[in-house]
Amino acid sequence: MIFTVDIGNTNIKIGLFSPEGKLVQSFKMSTDVKRTSDEYVALLLQLMSHSNIDEKSITGAIVSSVIPQLDYTFQNVINYVFKIKPLVVGVGVKTGLAIRYDFPRELGSDRIITCVAAEKQYGAPFVLVDFGTATTFNVVNGKHEFIGGAITLGLKSTIESLARCTAKLPNVDLETPRKTVAQSTGKAIQSGVIYGMVGQVKYLIERIKQEANIPDAKVIATGGLSRIVYDVEPIFDHIDRELSLKGLFEIYKMNQQ
């Protein structure tokens, strides 16, 4: 099996794929730069043992990371557990997409791996919205070129920022209120953040399609919080929360060839 790791700002997602590309098992653990390699090894072995997966069944590995402090840690973990040197997504790795970006080294690998999977599964052109710690808008045109996008705060990040930067606003749960006009401070925050995000996403998608001249582009969403926006207004053609892991598997295959 192929071991795929997507190290994000909040969570680390791990996927195990059969050689044919079927996602056999997936795990999620919290991102913690203070954990040592030994701690990650112990946690990984515990998760694999719980799922009855033998580490000897892993024949290849690939890593995408937006946390530089964990790059070496996870390469070390994979080498120790599986006796494999992982492929690390970065400049020089084949992705199947032409990158049209002013400074490619600034581009987060998380944005590319999701686009690789979306292009493979749904075809181009598309606008991909990833709802994570940040909300990113990623654009691939009909020539299979990644042409950039936009980045804004994520839903949870916005709520946490309000609580942190103000004296009296509370940190509330991400629940969609029934009304936009709220009669309590907590529901007012939920209304502003969630309904505001829906409006922001709709506007940016419309503007991106017009600016990039891709009026018929598919709109694809990924990330754990995508369903919150979709439940308010169904503005996505597809929701696929496993795009990052699927993209890693596709990139691994390309680079083996």
C-alpha atoms as a PDB file:
ATOM      1  CA  MET A   1       0.000   0.000   0.000  1.00  0.00           C
ATOM      2  CA  ILE A   2       0.958   3.630  -0.467  1.00  0.00           C
ATOM      3  CA  PHE A   3       1.193   5.820   2.637  1.00  0.00           C
ATOM      4  CA  THR A   4       0.067   9.427   2.067  1.00  0.00           C
ATOM      5  CA  VAL A   5       0.428  12.283   4.585  1.00  0.00           C
ATOM      6  CA  ASP A   6      -1.097  15.762   4.373  1.00  0.00           C
ATOM      7  CA  ILE A   7       0.299  17.950   7.177  1.00  0.00           C
ATOM      8  CA  GLY A   8      -1.988  20.938   7.658  1.00  0.00           C
ATOM      9  CA  ASN A   9      -2.077  23.805  10.131  1.00  0.00           C
ATOM     10  CA  THR A  10      -4.729  22.157  12.336  1.00  0.00           C
ATOM     11  CA  ASN A  11      -4.749  18.444  11.437  1.00  0.00           C
ATOM     12  CA  ILE A  12      -2.526  15.802   9.888  1.00  0.00           C
ATOM     13  CA  LYS A  13      -4.424  13.529   7.511  1.00  0.00           C
ATOM     14  CA  ILE A  14      -3.065  10.094   6.653  1.00  0.00           C
ATOM     15  CA  GLY A  15      -4.363   7.836   3.913  1.00  0.00           C
ATOM     16  CA  LEU A  16      -3.463   4.290   2.903  1.00  0.00           C
ATOM     17  CA  PHE A  17      -4.084   3.434  -0.756  1.00  0.00           C
ATOM     18  CA  SER A  18      -4.098   0.144  -2.594  1.00  0.00           C
ATOM     19  CA  PRO A  19      -1.902   0.021  -5.744  1.00  0.00           C
ATOM     20  CA  GLU A  20      -5.095   0.480  -7.791  1.00  0.00           C
ATOM     21  CA  GLY A  21      -5.879   3.763  -6.030  1.00  0.00           C
ATOM     22  CA  LYS A  22      -8.561   2.719  -3.537  1.00  0.00           C
ATOM     23  CA  LEU A  23      -8.460   4.558  -0.200  1.00  0.00           C
ATOM     24  CA  VAL A  24      -8.261   1.591   2.166  1.00  0.00           C
ATOM     25  CA  GLN A  25      -7.971   3.458   5.457  1.00  0.00           C
ATOM     26  CA  SER A  26      -7.549   7.013   6.700  1.00  0.00           C
ATOM     27  CA  PHE A  27      -6.562   8.567  10.007  1.00  0.00           C
ATOM     28  CA  LYS A  28      -6.466  12.080  11.408  1.00  0.00           C
ATOM     29  CA  MET A  29      -4.340  13.475  14.222  1.00  0.00           C
ATOM     30  CA  SER A  30      -3.901  16.996  15.548  1.00  0.00           C
ATOM     31  CA  THR A  31      -0.935  19.008  14.300  1.00  0.00           C
ATOM     32  CA  ASP A  32       1.514  19.626  17.153  1.00  0.00           C
ATOM     33  CA  VAL A  33       5.014  20.925  16.440  1.00  0.00           C
ATOM     34  CA  LYS A  34       6.022  20.089  20.024  1.00  0.00           C
ATOM     35  CA  ARG A  35       5.567  16.353  19.525  1.00  0.00           C
ATOM     36  CA  THR A  36       8.793  14.447  18.968  1.00  0.00           C
ATOM     37  CA  SER A  37       9.405  11.873  16.244  1.00  0.00           C
ATOM     38  CA  ASP A  38       9.104   9.134  18.888  1.00  0.00           C
ATOM     39  CA  GLU A  39       5.664  10.402  19.945  1.00  0.00           C
ATOM     40  CA  TYR A  40       4.418  10.480  16.346  1.00  0.00           C
ATOM     41  CA  VAL A  41       5.825   6.981  15.782  1.00  0.00           C
ATOM     42  CA  ALA A  42       3.966   5.659  18.831  1.00  0.00           C
ATOM     43  CA  LEU A  43       0.708   7.333  17.795  1.00  0.00           C
ATOM     44  CA  LEU A  44       0.984   6.112  14.204  1.00  0.00           C
ATOM     45  CA  LEU A  45       1.706   2.515  15.236  1.00  0.00           C
ATOM     46  CA  GLN A  46      -1.236   2.601  17.634  1.00  0.00           C
ATOM     47  CA  LEU A  47      -3.617   3.811  14.896  1.00  0.00           C
ATOM     48  CA  MET A  48      -2.355   1.188  12.443  1.00  0.00           C
ATOM     49  CA  SER A  49      -2.581  -1.606  15.000  1.00  0.00           C
ATOM     50  CA  HIS A  50      -6.147  -0.600  15.845  1.00  0.00           C
ATOM     51  CA  SER A  51      -7.022  -0.970  12.132  1.00  0.00           C
ATOM     52  CA  ASN A  52      -5.123  -4.266  11.765  1.00  0.00           C
ATOM     53  CA  ILE A  53      -2.664  -2.819   9.239  1.00  0.00           C
ATOM     54  CA  ASP A  54       0.821  -4.304   9.102  1.00  0.00           C
ATOM     55  CA  GLU A  55       3.547  -1.692   8.537  1.00  0.00           C
ATOM     56  CA  LYS A  56       5.290  -4.187   6.242  1.00  0.00           C
ATOM     57  CA  SER A  57       2.429  -3.771   3.752  1.00  0.00           C
ATOM     58  CA  ILE A  58       3.548  -0.184   3.027  1.00  0.00           C
ATOM     59  CA  THR A  59       5.682  -0.050  -0.124  1.00  0.00           C
ATOM     60  CA  GLY A  60       5.796   3.697  -0.813  1.00  0.00           C
ATOM     61  CA  ALA A  61       5.110   7.041   0.855  1.00  0.00           C
ATOM     62  CA  ILE A  62       4.497  10.684  -0.029  1.00  0.00           C
ATOM     63  CA  VAL A  63       4.232  13.799   2.163  1.00  0.00           C
ATOM     64  CA  SER A  64       2.736  17.253   1.693  1.00  0.00           C
ATOM     65  CA  SER A  65       3.352  19.794   4.442  1.00  0.00           C
ATOM     66  CA  VAL A  66       2.595  23.430   5.213  1.00  0.00           C
ATOM     67  CA  ILE A  67       4.442  23.191   8.577  1.00  0.00           C
ATOM     68  CA  PRO A  68       8.209  23.363   7.906  1.00  0.00           C
ATOM     69  CA  GLN A  69       8.989  22.323  11.512  1.00  0.00           C
ATOM     70  CA  LEU A  70       7.322  18.946  10.880  1.00  0.00           C
ATOM     71  CA  ASP A  71       8.899  18.183   7.485  1.00  0.00           C
ATOM     72  CA  TYR A  72      11.965  16.456   8.884  1.00  0.00           C
ATOM     73  CA  THR A  73       9.977  14.922  11.758  1.00  0.00           C
ATOM     74  CA  PHE A  74       7.618  13.033   9.452  1.00  0.00           C
ATOM     75  CA  GLN A  75      10.311  12.015   7.000  1.00  0.00           C
ATOM     76  CA  ASN A  76      12.104  10.532   9.988  1.00  0.00           C
ATOM     77  CA  VAL A  77       8.912   8.823  11.227  1.00  0.00           C
ATOM     78  CA  ILE A  78       8.246   7.210   7.841  1.00  0.00           C
ATOM     79  CA  ASN A  79      11.842   6.100   7.445  1.00  0.00           C
ATOM     80  CA  TYR A  80      11.837   4.562  10.937  1.00  0.00           C
ATOM     81  CA  VAL A  81       8.468   2.769  10.731  1.00  0.00           C
ATOM     82  CA  PHE A  82       8.445   1.644   7.077  1.00  0.00           C
ATOM     83  CA  LYS A  83      12.170   1.770   6.125  1.00  0.00           C
ATOM     84  CA  ILE A  84      11.136   4.003   3.185  1.00  0.00           C
ATOM     85  CA  LYS A  85      12.321   7.422   2.053  1.00  0.00           C
ATOM     86  CA  PRO A  86       9.126   9.383   1.263  1.00  0.00           C
ATOM     87  CA  LEU A  87       8.549  11.599  -1.746  1.00  0.00           C
ATOM     88  CA  VAL A  88       8.026  15.189  -0.559  1.00  0.00           C
ATOM     89  CA  VAL A  89       5.765  17.439  -2.642  1.00  0.00           C
ATOM     90  CA  GLY A  90       7.614  20.582  -3.684  1.00  0.00           C
ATOM     91  CA  VAL A  91       9.308  22.360  -6.565  1.00  0.00           C
ATOM     92  CA  GLY A  92      10.578  19.811  -9.101  1.00  0.00           C
ATOM     93  CA  VAL A  93       7.990  17.138  -8.321  1.00  0.00           C
ATOM     94  CA  LYS A  94       5.702  16.216 -11.230  1.00  0.00           C
ATOM     95  CA  THR A  95       2.073  17.180 -10.644  1.00  0.00           C
ATOM     96  CA  GLY A  96       0.530  17.105 -14.120  1.00  0.00           C
ATOM     97  CA  LEU A  97      -0.388  20.792 -13.797  1.00  0.00           C
ATOM     98  CA  ALA A  98       1.463  23.764 -15.276  1.00  0.00           C
ATOM     99  CA  ILE A  99       2.015  26.210 -12.399  1.00  0.00           C
ATOM    100  CA  ARG A 100       1.430  29.828 -13.437  1.00  0.00           C
ATOM    101  CA  TYR A 101       2.486  31.552 -10.224  1.00  0.00           C
ATOM    102  CA  ASP A 102       4.887  34.471  -9.788  1.00  0.00           C
ATOM    103  CA  PHE A 103       6.788  32.832  -6.939  1.00  0.00           C
ATOM    104  CA  PRO A 104       6.201  29.039  -7.041  1.00  0.00           C
ATOM    105  CA  ARG A 105       8.147  28.429  -3.824  1.00  0.00           C
ATOM    106  CA  GLU A 106       5.536  30.491  -1.956  1.00  0.00           C
ATOM    107  CA  LEU A 107       2.723  28.241  -3.125  1.00  0.00           C
ATOM    108  CA  GLY A 108       1.460  25.854  -0.467  1.00  0.00           C
ATOM    109  CA  SER A 109       1.636  22.226  -1.551  1.00  0.00           C
ATOM    110  CA  ASP A 110      -1.801  21.685   0.002  1.00  0.00           C
ATOM    111  CA  ARG A 111      -3.333  23.873  -2.724  1.00  0.00           C
ATOM    112  CA  ILE A 112      -1.675  21.879  -5.489  1.00  0.00           C
ATOM    113  CA  ILE A 113      -2.454  18.363  -4.268  1.00  0.00           C
ATOM    114  CA  THR A 114      -6.184  19.095  -4.031  1.00  0.00           C
ATOM    115  CA  CYS A 115      -6.170  20.575  -7.541  1.00  0.00           C
ATOM    116  CA  VAL A 116      -4.389  17.494  -8.915  1.00  0.00           C
ATOM    117  CA  ALA A 117      -7.136  15.256  -7.530  1.00  0.00           C
ATOM    118  CA  ALA A 118      -9.936  17.576  -8.678  1.00  0.00           C
ATOM    119  CA  GLU A 119      -8.543  17.704 -12.221  1.00  0.00           C
ATOM    120  CA  LYS A 120      -8.225  13.923 -12.331  1.00  0.00           C
ATOM    121  CA  GLN A 121     -11.695  13.229 -10.925  1.00  0.00           C
ATOM    122  CA  TYR A 122     -13.850  16.072 -12.243  1.00  0.00           C
ATOM    123  CA  GLY A 123     -11.922  17.641 -15.129  1.00  0.00           C
ATOM    124  CA  ALA A 124     -10.908  21.241 -15.854  1.00  0.00           C
ATOM    125  CA  PRO A 125     -11.644  24.129 -15.743  1.00  0.00           C
ATOM    126  CA  PHE A 126     -12.686  24.467 -12.130  1.00  0.00           C
ATOM    127  CA  VAL A 127     -12.651  26.682  -9.064  1.00  0.00           C
ATOM    128  CA  LEU A 128     -11.730  24.710  -5.957  1.00  0.00           C
ATOM    129  CA  VAL A 129     -12.616  26.127  -2.544  1.00  0.00           C
ATOM    130  CA  ASP A 130     -10.807  24.534   0.387  1.00  0.00           C
ATOM    131  CA  PHE A 131     -12.360  25.210   3.805  1.00  0.00           C
ATOM    132  CA  GLY A 132      -9.635  24.671   6.365  1.00  0.00           C
ATOM    133  CA  THR A 133      -7.738  26.823   8.843  1.00  0.00           C
ATOM    134  CA  ALA A 134      -7.709  29.301   5.969  1.00  0.00           C
ATOM    135  CA  THR A 135     -10.220  29.353   3.113  1.00  0.00           C
ATOM    136  CA  THR A 136      -8.425  29.135  -0.227  1.00  0.00           C
ATOM    137  CA  PHE A 137      -9.763  29.592  -3.751  1.00  0.00           C
ATOM    138  CA  ASN A 138      -7.734  27.707  -6.357  1.00  0.00           C
ATOM    139  CA  VAL A 139      -8.227  28.048 -10.101  1.00  0.00           C
ATOM    140  CA  VAL A 140      -7.307  25.635 -12.902  1.00  0.00           C
ATOM    141  CA  ASN A 141      -8.196  26.673 -16.448  1.00  0.00           C
ATOM    142  CA  GLY A 142      -9.085  24.594 -19.496  1.00  0.00           C
ATOM    143  CA  LYS A 143      -5.390  24.285 -20.409  1.00  0.00           C
ATOM    144  CA  HIS A 144      -4.735  22.409 -17.149  1.00  0.00           C
ATOM    145  CA  GLU A 145      -2.830  25.392 -15.753  1.00  0.00           C
ATOM    146  CA  PHE A 146      -2.972  26.401 -12.112  1.00  0.00           C
ATOM    147  CA  ILE A 147      -3.357  30.158 -12.470  1.00  0.00           C
ATOM    148  CA  GLY A 148      -3.600  31.207  -8.821  1.00  0.00           C
ATOM    149  CA  GLY A 149      -6.511  32.137  -6.597  1.00  0.00           C
ATOM    150  CA  ALA A 150      -7.335  33.874  -3.330  1.00  0.00           C
ATOM    151  CA  ILE A 151      -6.850  33.277   0.396  1.00  0.00           C
ATOM    152  CA  THR A 152      -8.990  34.462   3.284  1.00  0.00           C
ATOM    153  CA  LEU A 153      -9.715  33.515   6.901  1.00  0.00           C
ATOM    154  CA  GLY A 154     -11.364  30.191   7.664  1.00  0.00           C
ATOM    155  CA  LEU A 155     -14.641  29.889   9.546  1.00  0.00           C
ATOM    156  CA  LYS A 156     -13.081  28.773  12.833  1.00  0.00           C
ATOM    157  CA  SER A 157     -10.191  31.213  12.463  1.00  0.00           C
ATOM    158  CA  THR A 158     -12.636  34.106  12.117  1.00  0.00           C
ATOM    159  CA  ILE A 159     -14.541  33.185  15.266  1.00  0.00           C
ATOM    160  CA  GLU A 160     -11.326  32.663  17.226  1.00  0.00           C
ATOM    161  CA  SER A 161      -9.947  36.011  15.983  1.00  0.00           C
ATOM    162  CA  LEU A 162     -13.079  37.847  17.146  1.00  0.00           C
ATOM    163  CA  ALA A 163     -12.789  36.306  20.599  1.00  0.00           C
ATOM    164  CA  ARG A 164      -9.052  36.961  20.837  1.00  0.00           C
ATOM    165  CA  CYS A 165      -9.056  40.535  19.523  1.00  0.00           C
ATOM    166  CA  THR A 166     -12.070  41.876  21.438  1.00  0.00           C
ATOM    167  CA  ALA A 167     -12.758  42.293  25.136  1.00  0.00           C
ATOM    168  CA  LYS A 168     -16.324  41.007  25.347  1.00  0.00           C
ATOM    169  CA  LEU A 169     -17.100  38.837  22.312  1.00  0.00           C
ATOM    170  CA  PRO A 170     -17.257  35.119  23.203  1.00  0.00           C
ATOM    171  CA  ASN A 171     -15.803  32.148  21.358  1.00  0.00           C
ATOM    172  CA  VAL A 172     -18.897  30.384  19.975  1.00  0.00           C
ATOM    173  CA  ASP A 173     -19.587  27.063  18.266  1.00  0.00           C
ATOM    174  CA  LEU A 174     -19.890  26.840  14.493  1.00  0.00           C
ATOM    175  CA  GLU A 175     -23.646  26.418  14.289  1.00  0.00           C
ATOM    176  CA  THR A 176     -25.826  28.053  11.630  1.00  0.00           C
ATOM    177  CA  PRO A 177     -28.543  30.214  13.208  1.00  0.00           C
ATOM    178  CA  ARG A 178     -32.040  30.100  11.739  1.00  0.00           C
ATOM    179  CA  LYS A 179     -32.110  33.865  11.173  1.00  0.00           C
ATOM    180  CA  THR A 180     -29.586  36.384   9.881  1.00  0.00           C
ATOM    181  CA  VAL A 181     -30.868  39.057  12.285  1.00  0.00           C
ATOM    182  CA  ALA A 182     -29.901  37.611  15.659  1.00  0.00           C
ATOM    183  CA  GLN A 183     -31.143  38.574  19.124  1.00  0.00           C
ATOM    184  CA  SER A 184     -28.075  37.430  21.064  1.00  0.00           C
ATOM    185  CA  THR A 185     -24.354  38.151  20.763  1.00  0.00           C
ATOM    186  CA  GLY A 186     -23.442  34.511  20.220  1.00  0.00           C
ATOM    187  CA  LYS A 187     -25.944  34.015  17.420  1.00  0.00           C
ATOM    188  CA  ALA A 188     -24.976  37.385  15.922  1.00  0.00           C
ATOM    189  CA  ILE A 189     -21.383  36.139  15.631  1.00  0.00           C
ATOM    190  CA  GLN A 190     -22.558  32.863  14.088  1.00  0.00           C
ATOM    191  CA  SER A 191     -24.761  34.768  11.643  1.00  0.00           C
ATOM    192  CA  GLY A 192     -22.070  37.217  10.591  1.00  0.00           C
ATOM    193  CA  VAL A 193     -19.363  34.587  10.208  1.00  0.00           C
ATOM    194  CA  ILE A 194     -21.359  31.838   8.465  1.00  0.00           C
ATOM    195  CA  TYR A 195     -23.743  33.874   6.289  1.00  0.00           C
ATOM    196  CA  GLY A 196     -20.896  36.303   5.619  1.00  0.00           C
ATOM    197  CA  MET A 197     -18.710  33.443   4.413  1.00  0.00           C
ATOM    198  CA  VAL A 198     -21.467  32.204   2.079  1.00  0.00           C
ATOM    199  CA  GLY A 199     -21.732  35.665   0.528  1.00  0.00           C
ATOM    200  CA  GLN A 200     -17.971  35.992   0.252  1.00  0.00           C
ATOM    201  CA  VAL A 201     -17.618  32.609  -1.436  1.00  0.00           C
ATOM    202  CA  LYS A 202     -20.408  33.355  -3.929  1.00  0.00           C
ATOM    203  CA  TYR A 203     -18.927  36.735  -4.853  1.00  0.00           C
ATOM    204  CA  LEU A 204     -15.372  35.452  -5.258  1.00  0.00           C
ATOM    205  CA  ILE A 205     -16.487  32.519  -7.412  1.00  0.00           C
ATOM    206  CA  GLU A 206     -18.452  34.817  -9.711  1.00  0.00           C
ATOM    207  CA  ARG A 207     -15.568  37.273  -9.979  1.00  0.00           C
ATOM    208  CA  ILE A 208     -12.989  34.516 -10.576  1.00  0.00           C
ATOM    209  CA  LYS A 209     -15.064  32.982 -13.374  1.00  0.00           C
ATOM    210  CA  GLN A 210     -15.452  36.361 -15.055  1.00  0.00           C
ATOM    211  CA  GLU A 211     -11.819  37.428 -14.645  1.00  0.00           C
ATOM    212  CA  ALA A 212     -10.374  34.084 -15.782  1.00  0.00           C
ATOM    213  CA  ASN A 213     -12.927  33.786 -18.609  1.00  0.00           C
ATOM    214  CA  ILE A 214     -14.130  30.366 -17.422  1.00  0.00           C
ATOM    215  CA  PRO A 215     -17.900  30.933 -17.092  1.00  0.00           C
ATOM    216  CA  ASP A 216     -18.698  27.209 -17.217  1.00  0.00           C
ATOM    217  CA  ALA A 217     -16.052  26.139 -14.689  1.00  0.00           C
ATOM    218  CA  LYS A 218     -17.099  23.542 -12.146  1.00  0.00           C
ATOM    219  CA  VAL A 219     -17.133  24.665  -8.522  1.00  0.00           C
ATOM    220  CA  ILE A 220     -15.631  22.082  -6.169  1.00  0.00           C
ATOM    221  CA  ALA A 221     -15.385  22.236  -2.390  1.00  0.00           C
ATOM    222  CA  THR A 222     -13.179  20.341   0.022  1.00  0.00           C
ATOM    223  CA  GLY A 223     -12.253  20.594   3.686  1.00  0.00           C
ATOM    224  CA  GLY A 224     -14.146  19.638   6.810  1.00  0.00           C
ATOM    225  CA  LEU A 225     -16.175  22.864   6.987  1.00  0.00           C
ATOM    226  CA  SER A 226     -17.428  22.868   3.388  1.00  0.00           C
ATOM    227  CA  ARG A 227     -20.753  21.286   4.349  1.00  0.00           C
ATOM    228  CA  ILE A 228     -21.637  24.249   6.597  1.00  0.00           C
ATOM    229  CA  VAL A 229     -21.578  26.601   3.601  1.00  0.00           C
ATOM    230  CA  TYR A 230     -23.324  24.132   1.291  1.00  0.00           C
ATOM    231  CA  ASP A 231     -26.154  23.579   3.774  1.00  0.00           C
ATOM    232  CA  VAL A 232     -26.898  27.323   3.705  1.00  0.00           C
ATOM    233  CA  GLU A 233     -26.776  27.532  -0.070  1.00  0.00           C
ATOM    234  CA  PRO A 234     -25.865  24.698  -2.507  1.00  0.00           C
ATOM    235  CA  ILE A 235     -23.299  26.635  -4.547  1.00  0.00           C
ATOM    236  CA  PHE A 236     -20.919  23.719  -5.227  1.00  0.00           C
ATOM    237  CA  ASP A 237     -21.121  21.143  -8.005  1.00  0.00           C
ATOM    238  CA  HIS A 238     -19.095  18.639  -5.975  1.00  0.00           C
ATOM    239  CA  ILE A 239     -17.956  18.241  -2.362  1.00  0.00           C
ATOM    240  CA  ASP A 240     -15.036  15.872  -1.817  1.00  0.00           C
ATOM    241  CA  ARG A 241     -13.326  15.885   1.572  1.00  0.00           C
ATOM    242  CA  GLU A 242     -10.641  13.365   0.539  1.00  0.00           C
ATOM    243  CA  LEU A 243      -9.135  15.398  -2.307  1.00  0.00           C
ATOM    244  CA  SER A 244      -5.814  16.049  -0.583  1.00  0.00           C
ATOM    245  CA  LEU A 245      -5.109  12.360   0.016  1.00  0.00           C
ATOM    246  CA  LYS A 246      -6.302  11.398  -3.484  1.00  0.00           C
ATOM    247  CA  GLY A 247      -4.050  14.078  -4.968  1.00  0.00           C
ATOM    248  CA  LEU A 248      -1.058  12.752  -3.069  1.00  0.00           C
ATOM    249  CA  PHE A 249      -1.635   9.268  -4.445  1.00  0.00           C
ATOM    250  CA  GLU A 250      -1.886  10.618  -8.019  1.00  0.00           C
ATOM    251  CA  ILE A 251       1.350  12.595  -7.619  1.00  0.00           C
ATOM    252  CA  TYR A 252       3.096   9.549  -6.181  1.00  0.00           C
ATOM    253  CA  LYS A 253       2.062   7.478  -9.218  1.00  0.00           C
ATOM    254  CA  MET A 254       3.252  10.153 -11.664  1.00  0.00           C
ATOM    255  CA  ASN A 255       6.670  10.389 -10.077  1.00  0.00           C
ATOM    256  CA  GLN A 256       7.166   6.621  -9.983  1.00  0.00           C
ATOM    257  CA  GLN A 257       6.744   6.528 -13.746  1.00  0.00           C
END
